[in-house]
Amino acid sequence: MNETSNGSVSVNRADSSGNNNTLTDNNTVASIIGRLANAADFVRSRSEYFSIADSAQTGLDLTPPFSIAFWVNYDTSGSTDGTLGKGNSLTQYSYQIYRRSSSPYKMTIKLSANGTSATSFDSDSGIPAGSWNHVAVVVNGNTVNWYLNGTSNNAQPGSWTSALYNSSLPFVLGDRASGDGSRIDGKLDEVRIYNRALTAGEISALAK
């Protein structure tokens, strides 16, 4: 997937950011021609995902401000498409991103301050299956703002005022949380995690 960016933590199975966040390939994720370069093609029925243990991570215990951006092409609709996350929904919740299972298939980020409960922030619009879309979310101070294809997708950005829970569980790509099983059926390309708030202009450039 070949991600790299100045001032960011780029995450995939072959991390090129210098942070050595090289992920383990679980159940043989295929590589295909993606939106910009090679992409990962996840098949839900085969339980495919990437992961990296907490002890091997650099910069994935996020603290606002931070930004997450990626290209995605969902193959199907009707099931929760877990995209990435850290922790789980029981006692180690930190953050997770996924596409909702019902129309209009909005993007959601869940954030937890205590590891046991979480607050959800949805995009205004959904993402249909069968086409490449650029997705970004920025958590900056008291605001959570979604961007779809380079354009702000919140009529009223959400509010988040807490630090994130520091989960000791793995970071996963292709699922929304360690052991959750709500895995993506589709393709991911150019996944980027930044330890700062991207500007609208930077997000627009990434979406071209």
C-alpha atoms as a PDB file:
ATOM      1  CA  MET A   1       0.000   0.000   0.000  1.00  0.00           C
ATOM      2  CA  ASN A   2       3.128   2.136   0.097  1.00  0.00           C
ATOM      3  CA  GLU A   3       2.039   4.979   2.379  1.00  0.00           C
ATOM      4  CA  THR A   4       4.421   7.683   3.476  1.00  0.00           C
ATOM      5  CA  SER A   5       3.923  11.262   4.604  1.00  0.00           C
ATOM      6  CA  ASN A   6       5.829  14.015   6.374  1.00  0.00           C
ATOM      7  CA  GLY A   7       4.738  14.333   9.999  1.00  0.00           C
ATOM      8  CA  SER A   8       2.518  11.247   9.949  1.00  0.00           C
ATOM      9  CA  VAL A   9       2.430   7.692  11.128  1.00  0.00           C
ATOM     10  CA  SER A  10       1.643   5.673   8.008  1.00  0.00           C
ATOM     11  CA  VAL A  11       0.166   2.278   8.659  1.00  0.00           C
ATOM     12  CA  ASN A  12       0.134  -0.840   6.511  1.00  0.00           C
ATOM     13  CA  ARG A  13       1.825  -4.209   6.374  1.00  0.00           C
ATOM     14  CA  ALA A  14       5.013  -2.628   4.981  1.00  0.00           C
ATOM     15  CA  ASP A  15       5.289   0.692   6.821  1.00  0.00           C
ATOM     16  CA  SER A  16       7.424   3.199   4.901  1.00  0.00           C
ATOM     17  CA  SER A  17       7.115   6.069   7.408  1.00  0.00           C
ATOM     18  CA  GLY A  18      10.172   5.124   9.459  1.00  0.00           C
ATOM     19  CA  ASN A  19       8.052   4.144  12.464  1.00  0.00           C
ATOM     20  CA  ASN A  20       8.360   0.408  11.763  1.00  0.00           C
ATOM     21  CA  ASN A  21       4.622  -0.237  12.125  1.00  0.00           C
ATOM     22  CA  THR A  22       4.779  -3.250   9.848  1.00  0.00           C
ATOM     23  CA  LEU A  23       1.571  -5.238  10.217  1.00  0.00           C
ATOM     24  CA  THR A  24       1.054  -8.984  10.376  1.00  0.00           C
ATOM     25  CA  ASP A  25      -0.971 -10.368   7.477  1.00  0.00           C
ATOM     26  CA  ASN A  26      -3.717 -12.585   8.899  1.00  0.00           C
ATOM     27  CA  ASN A  27      -5.237 -15.121   6.481  1.00  0.00           C
ATOM     28  CA  THR A  28      -3.382 -13.958   3.350  1.00  0.00           C
ATOM     29  CA  VAL A  29      -4.772 -10.595   2.260  1.00  0.00           C
ATOM     30  CA  ALA A  30      -4.404 -10.197  -1.502  1.00  0.00           C
ATOM     31  CA  SER A  31      -2.627  -7.243  -3.108  1.00  0.00           C
ATOM     32  CA  ILE A  32      -4.251  -5.634  -6.164  1.00  0.00           C
ATOM     33  CA  ILE A  33      -3.903  -2.473  -8.215  1.00  0.00           C
ATOM     34  CA  GLY A  34      -5.535   0.188  -6.063  1.00  0.00           C
ATOM     35  CA  ARG A  35      -6.638   3.810  -6.273  1.00  0.00           C
ATOM     36  CA  LEU A  36      -3.083   5.188  -6.337  1.00  0.00           C
ATOM     37  CA  ALA A  37      -0.760   2.185  -6.103  1.00  0.00           C
ATOM     38  CA  ASN A  38      -1.044  -1.333  -4.714  1.00  0.00           C
ATOM     39  CA  ALA A  39      -4.034  -1.859  -2.413  1.00  0.00           C
ATOM     40  CA  ALA A  40      -5.079  -4.531   0.074  1.00  0.00           C
ATOM     41  CA  ASP A  41      -8.132  -6.555  -0.980  1.00  0.00           C
ATOM     42  CA  PHE A  42      -9.900  -7.947   2.111  1.00  0.00           C
ATOM     43  CA  VAL A  43     -12.433 -10.786   1.856  1.00  0.00           C
ATOM     44  CA  ARG A  44     -14.791 -10.865   4.862  1.00  0.00           C
ATOM     45  CA  SER A  45     -15.700 -14.547   4.473  1.00  0.00           C
ATOM     46  CA  ARG A  46     -12.022 -15.444   4.864  1.00  0.00           C
ATOM     47  CA  SER A  47     -11.591 -13.319   8.035  1.00  0.00           C
ATOM     48  CA  GLU A  48      -8.691 -11.361   6.505  1.00  0.00           C
ATOM     49  CA  TYR A  49      -7.111  -8.446   8.353  1.00  0.00           C
ATOM     50  CA  PHE A  50      -3.785  -6.872   9.348  1.00  0.00           C
ATOM     51  CA  SER A  51      -2.624  -6.400  12.939  1.00  0.00           C
ATOM     52  CA  ILE A  52       0.264  -5.187  15.066  1.00  0.00           C
ATOM     53  CA  ALA A  53       0.739  -5.829  18.790  1.00  0.00           C
ATOM     54  CA  ASP A  54       0.732  -2.870  21.165  1.00  0.00           C
ATOM     55  CA  SER A  55       4.318  -3.592  22.196  1.00  0.00           C
ATOM     56  CA  ALA A  56       5.481  -3.253  18.559  1.00  0.00           C
ATOM     57  CA  GLN A  57       3.676   0.015  17.748  1.00  0.00           C
ATOM     58  CA  THR A  58       4.965   3.549  17.420  1.00  0.00           C
ATOM     59  CA  GLY A  59       2.466   6.416  17.533  1.00  0.00           C
ATOM     60  CA  LEU A  60      -0.778   4.429  17.392  1.00  0.00           C
ATOM     61  CA  ASP A  61      -1.958   5.308  20.910  1.00  0.00           C
ATOM     62  CA  LEU A  62      -3.559   8.474  19.639  1.00  0.00           C
ATOM     63  CA  THR A  63      -4.045  11.733  21.501  1.00  0.00           C
ATOM     64  CA  PRO A  64      -5.951  14.650  19.951  1.00  0.00           C
ATOM     65  CA  PRO A  65      -5.199  16.359  17.699  1.00  0.00           C
ATOM     66  CA  PHE A  66      -4.911  13.566  15.137  1.00  0.00           C
ATOM     67  CA  SER A  67      -6.137  12.743  11.636  1.00  0.00           C
ATOM     68  CA  ILE A  68      -6.856   9.479   9.810  1.00  0.00           C
ATOM     69  CA  ALA A  69      -7.193   9.277   6.028  1.00  0.00           C
ATOM     70  CA  PHE A  70      -7.544   6.458   3.498  1.00  0.00           C
ATOM     71  CA  TRP A  71      -8.938   5.386   0.141  1.00  0.00           C
ATOM     72  CA  VAL A  72     -11.607   2.677   0.344  1.00  0.00           C
ATOM     73  CA  ASN A  73     -13.702   0.661  -2.092  1.00  0.00           C
ATOM     74  CA  TYR A  74     -16.354  -1.430  -0.330  1.00  0.00           C
ATOM     75  CA  ASP A  75     -17.389  -4.574  -2.217  1.00  0.00           C
ATOM     76  CA  THR A  76     -20.765  -5.149  -0.535  1.00  0.00           C
ATOM     77  CA  SER A  77     -23.368  -3.485   1.666  1.00  0.00           C
ATOM     78  CA  GLY A  78     -25.527  -4.752   4.520  1.00  0.00           C
ATOM     79  CA  SER A  79     -22.826  -5.696   7.048  1.00  0.00           C
ATOM     80  CA  THR A  80     -20.643  -3.552   9.293  1.00  0.00           C
ATOM     81  CA  ASP A  81     -17.393  -2.852   7.460  1.00  0.00           C
ATOM     82  CA  GLY A  82     -14.738  -2.540  10.142  1.00  0.00           C
ATOM     83  CA  THR A  83     -11.922  -0.458   8.671  1.00  0.00           C
ATOM     84  CA  LEU A  84      -9.374   0.146  11.430  1.00  0.00           C
ATOM     85  CA  GLY A  85      -9.113   0.492  15.173  1.00  0.00           C
ATOM     86  CA  LYS A  86      -7.314  -0.152  18.439  1.00  0.00           C
ATOM     87  CA  GLY A  87      -8.708  -2.036  21.424  1.00  0.00           C
ATOM     88  CA  ASN A  88     -12.097  -3.738  21.641  1.00  0.00           C
ATOM     89  CA  SER A  89     -15.610  -2.912  22.849  1.00  0.00           C
ATOM     90  CA  LEU A  90     -15.360  -4.586  26.255  1.00  0.00           C
ATOM     91  CA  THR A  91     -12.618  -3.257  28.534  1.00  0.00           C
ATOM     92  CA  GLN A  92      -9.924  -1.988  26.172  1.00  0.00           C
ATOM     93  CA  TYR A  93     -11.806   0.441  23.928  1.00  0.00           C
ATOM     94  CA  SER A  94      -9.698   3.203  22.364  1.00  0.00           C
ATOM     95  CA  TYR A  95     -10.837   4.142  18.832  1.00  0.00           C
ATOM     96  CA  GLN A  96     -12.358   2.490  15.794  1.00  0.00           C
ATOM     97  CA  ILE A  97     -13.570   3.451  12.319  1.00  0.00           C
ATOM     98  CA  TYR A  98     -16.169   1.539  10.334  1.00  0.00           C
ATOM     99  CA  ARG A  99     -18.947   1.867   7.760  1.00  0.00           C
ATOM    100  CA  ARG A 100     -22.449   1.280   9.130  1.00  0.00           C
ATOM    101  CA  SER A 101     -24.443  -1.726   7.929  1.00  0.00           C
ATOM    102  CA  SER A 102     -27.691   0.067   6.979  1.00  0.00           C
ATOM    103  CA  SER A 103     -28.455   2.659   4.304  1.00  0.00           C
ATOM    104  CA  PRO A 104     -27.118   5.296   3.774  1.00  0.00           C
ATOM    105  CA  TYR A 105     -23.957   3.483   5.013  1.00  0.00           C
ATOM    106  CA  LYS A 106     -22.416   6.365   6.945  1.00  0.00           C
ATOM    107  CA  MET A 107     -18.857   6.345   8.244  1.00  0.00           C
ATOM    108  CA  THR A 108     -18.474   6.236  12.028  1.00  0.00           C
ATOM    109  CA  ILE A 109     -15.622   6.841  14.426  1.00  0.00           C
ATOM    110  CA  LYS A 110     -15.966   5.671  18.016  1.00  0.00           C
ATOM    111  CA  LEU A 111     -13.773   7.212  20.705  1.00  0.00           C
ATOM    112  CA  SER A 112     -13.386   6.068  24.320  1.00  0.00           C
ATOM    113  CA  ALA A 113     -11.940   7.882  27.314  1.00  0.00           C
ATOM    114  CA  ASN A 114     -12.233   4.996  29.800  1.00  0.00           C
ATOM    115  CA  GLY A 115     -11.950   1.788  27.743  1.00  0.00           C
ATOM    116  CA  THR A 116     -15.481   0.595  28.538  1.00  0.00           C
ATOM    117  CA  SER A 117     -17.798   3.096  26.837  1.00  0.00           C
ATOM    118  CA  ALA A 118     -17.533   5.086  23.635  1.00  0.00           C
ATOM    119  CA  THR A 119     -19.000   8.072  21.815  1.00  0.00           C
ATOM    120  CA  SER A 120     -19.874   7.779  18.130  1.00  0.00           C
ATOM    121  CA  PHE A 121     -19.455  10.474  15.481  1.00  0.00           C
ATOM    122  CA  ASP A 122     -21.009   9.865  12.045  1.00  0.00           C
ATOM    123  CA  SER A 123     -20.398  11.399   8.651  1.00  0.00           C
ATOM    124  CA  ASP A 124     -23.396  13.178   7.152  1.00  0.00           C
ATOM    125  CA  SER A 125     -23.347  11.133   3.950  1.00  0.00           C
ATOM    126  CA  GLY A 126     -22.829   7.454   3.283  1.00  0.00           C
ATOM    127  CA  ILE A 127     -20.539   5.546   0.956  1.00  0.00           C
ATOM    128  CA  PRO A 128     -22.040   3.098  -1.539  1.00  0.00           C
ATOM    129  CA  ALA A 129     -20.308  -0.100  -2.587  1.00  0.00           C
ATOM    130  CA  GLY A 130     -18.412  -0.473  -5.816  1.00  0.00           C
ATOM    131  CA  SER A 131     -16.355   2.719  -6.153  1.00  0.00           C
ATOM    132  CA  TRP A 132     -13.226   4.301  -4.699  1.00  0.00           C
ATOM    133  CA  ASN A 133     -13.807   7.054  -2.137  1.00  0.00           C
ATOM    134  CA  HIS A 134     -11.390   9.090  -0.059  1.00  0.00           C
ATOM    135  CA  VAL A 135     -12.269   9.252   3.632  1.00  0.00           C
ATOM    136  CA  ALA A 136     -10.689  11.421   6.328  1.00  0.00           C
ATOM    137  CA  VAL A 137     -11.563  12.280   9.905  1.00  0.00           C
ATOM    138  CA  VAL A 138      -9.903  14.995  11.998  1.00  0.00           C
ATOM    139  CA  VAL A 139     -10.109  15.080  15.802  1.00  0.00           C
ATOM    140  CA  ASN A 140      -8.849  18.503  16.813  1.00  0.00           C
ATOM    141  CA  GLY A 141      -9.454  20.000  20.242  1.00  0.00           C
ATOM    142  CA  ASN A 142     -13.207  19.935  20.733  1.00  0.00           C
ATOM    143  CA  THR A 143     -14.201  19.032  17.169  1.00  0.00           C
ATOM    144  CA  VAL A 144     -14.560  15.832  15.178  1.00  0.00           C
ATOM    145  CA  ASN A 145     -14.943  16.496  11.459  1.00  0.00           C
ATOM    146  CA  TRP A 146     -15.432  14.023   8.609  1.00  0.00           C
ATOM    147  CA  TYR A 147     -14.334  14.601   5.011  1.00  0.00           C
ATOM    148  CA  LEU A 148     -15.516  12.560   2.026  1.00  0.00           C
ATOM    149  CA  ASN A 149     -13.668  12.924  -1.276  1.00  0.00           C
ATOM    150  CA  GLY A 150     -11.905  16.041  -0.059  1.00  0.00           C
ATOM    151  CA  THR A 151     -14.996  17.922   1.124  1.00  0.00           C
ATOM    152  CA  SER A 152     -16.150  18.492   4.711  1.00  0.00           C
ATOM    153  CA  ASN A 153     -19.017  16.130   5.469  1.00  0.00           C
ATOM    154  CA  ASN A 154     -20.340  17.556   8.738  1.00  0.00           C
ATOM    155  CA  ALA A 155     -23.054  20.184   8.847  1.00  0.00           C
ATOM    156  CA  GLN A 156     -22.149  20.509  12.532  1.00  0.00           C
ATOM    157  CA  PRO A 157     -18.872  18.881  13.599  1.00  0.00           C
ATOM    158  CA  GLY A 158     -19.097  16.719  16.706  1.00  0.00           C
ATOM    159  CA  SER A 159     -17.443  17.556  20.027  1.00  0.00           C
ATOM    160  CA  TRP A 160     -14.823  15.469  21.851  1.00  0.00           C
ATOM    161  CA  THR A 161     -13.148  16.892  24.941  1.00  0.00           C
ATOM    162  CA  SER A 162     -11.315  13.918  26.491  1.00  0.00           C
ATOM    163  CA  ALA A 163      -8.057  12.055  26.083  1.00  0.00           C
ATOM    164  CA  LEU A 164      -8.351   8.639  24.451  1.00  0.00           C
ATOM    165  CA  TYR A 165      -7.996   5.496  26.510  1.00  0.00           C
ATOM    166  CA  ASN A 166      -4.540   3.953  26.096  1.00  0.00           C
ATOM    167  CA  SER A 167      -5.408   0.407  25.035  1.00  0.00           C
ATOM    168  CA  SER A 168      -2.819  -2.354  25.315  1.00  0.00           C
ATOM    169  CA  LEU A 169      -4.522  -4.401  22.574  1.00  0.00           C
ATOM    170  CA  PRO A 170      -3.361  -4.644  18.950  1.00  0.00           C
ATOM    171  CA  PHE A 171      -4.049  -2.102  16.232  1.00  0.00           C
ATOM    172  CA  VAL A 172      -5.984  -3.684  13.357  1.00  0.00           C
ATOM    173  CA  LEU A 173      -6.553  -2.747   9.731  1.00  0.00           C
ATOM    174  CA  GLY A 174      -9.451  -4.420   7.937  1.00  0.00           C
ATOM    175  CA  ASP A 175     -11.438  -4.773  11.183  1.00  0.00           C
ATOM    176  CA  ARG A 176     -12.710  -2.176  13.632  1.00  0.00           C
ATOM    177  CA  ALA A 177     -11.252  -3.664  16.817  1.00  0.00           C
ATOM    178  CA  SER A 178      -9.127  -6.572  17.993  1.00  0.00           C
ATOM    179  CA  GLY A 179     -11.262  -9.715  18.035  1.00  0.00           C
ATOM    180  CA  ASP A 180     -14.413  -7.862  16.954  1.00  0.00           C
ATOM    181  CA  GLY A 181     -14.947  -9.787  13.725  1.00  0.00           C
ATOM    182  CA  SER A 182     -16.767  -6.928  11.957  1.00  0.00           C
ATOM    183  CA  ARG A 183     -14.292  -7.088   9.118  1.00  0.00           C
ATOM    184  CA  ILE A 184     -14.251  -5.145   5.887  1.00  0.00           C
ATOM    185  CA  ASP A 185     -15.282  -6.639   2.584  1.00  0.00           C
ATOM    186  CA  GLY A 186     -13.393  -4.436   0.173  1.00  0.00           C
ATOM    187  CA  LYS A 187     -10.170  -2.661  -0.647  1.00  0.00           C
ATOM    188  CA  LEU A 188      -8.000  -0.186   1.279  1.00  0.00           C
ATOM    189  CA  ASP A 189      -5.254   2.024  -0.138  1.00  0.00           C
ATOM    190  CA  GLU A 190      -3.005   4.813   1.188  1.00  0.00           C
ATOM    191  CA  VAL A 191      -3.970   4.499   4.862  1.00  0.00           C
ATOM    192  CA  ARG A 192      -2.406   7.372   6.807  1.00  0.00           C
ATOM    193  CA  ILE A 193      -2.507   8.275  10.503  1.00  0.00           C
ATOM    194  CA  TYR A 194      -1.241  11.702  11.522  1.00  0.00           C
ATOM    195  CA  ASN A 195      -0.411  13.019  14.986  1.00  0.00           C
ATOM    196  CA  ARG A 196      -1.777  16.439  14.039  1.00  0.00           C
ATOM    197  CA  ALA A 197      -4.895  17.988  12.554  1.00  0.00           C
ATOM    198  CA  LEU A 198      -4.777  18.091   8.767  1.00  0.00           C
ATOM    199  CA  THR A 199      -6.064  21.244   7.126  1.00  0.00           C
ATOM    200  CA  ALA A 200      -8.947  21.214   4.656  1.00  0.00           C
ATOM    201  CA  GLY A 201      -6.441  21.983   1.906  1.00  0.00           C
ATOM    202  CA  GLU A 202      -4.203  19.047   2.851  1.00  0.00           C
ATOM    203  CA  ILE A 203      -7.170  16.679   2.835  1.00  0.00           C
ATOM    204  CA  SER A 204      -8.327  17.985  -0.521  1.00  0.00           C
ATOM    205  CA  ALA A 205      -4.845  17.303  -1.941  1.00  0.00           C
ATOM    206  CA  LEU A 206      -4.854  13.742  -0.587  1.00  0.00           C
ATOM    207  CA  ALA A 207      -8.211  13.106  -2.241  1.00  0.00           C
ATOM    208  CA  LYS A 208      -7.000  13.951  -5.765  1.00  0.00           C
END
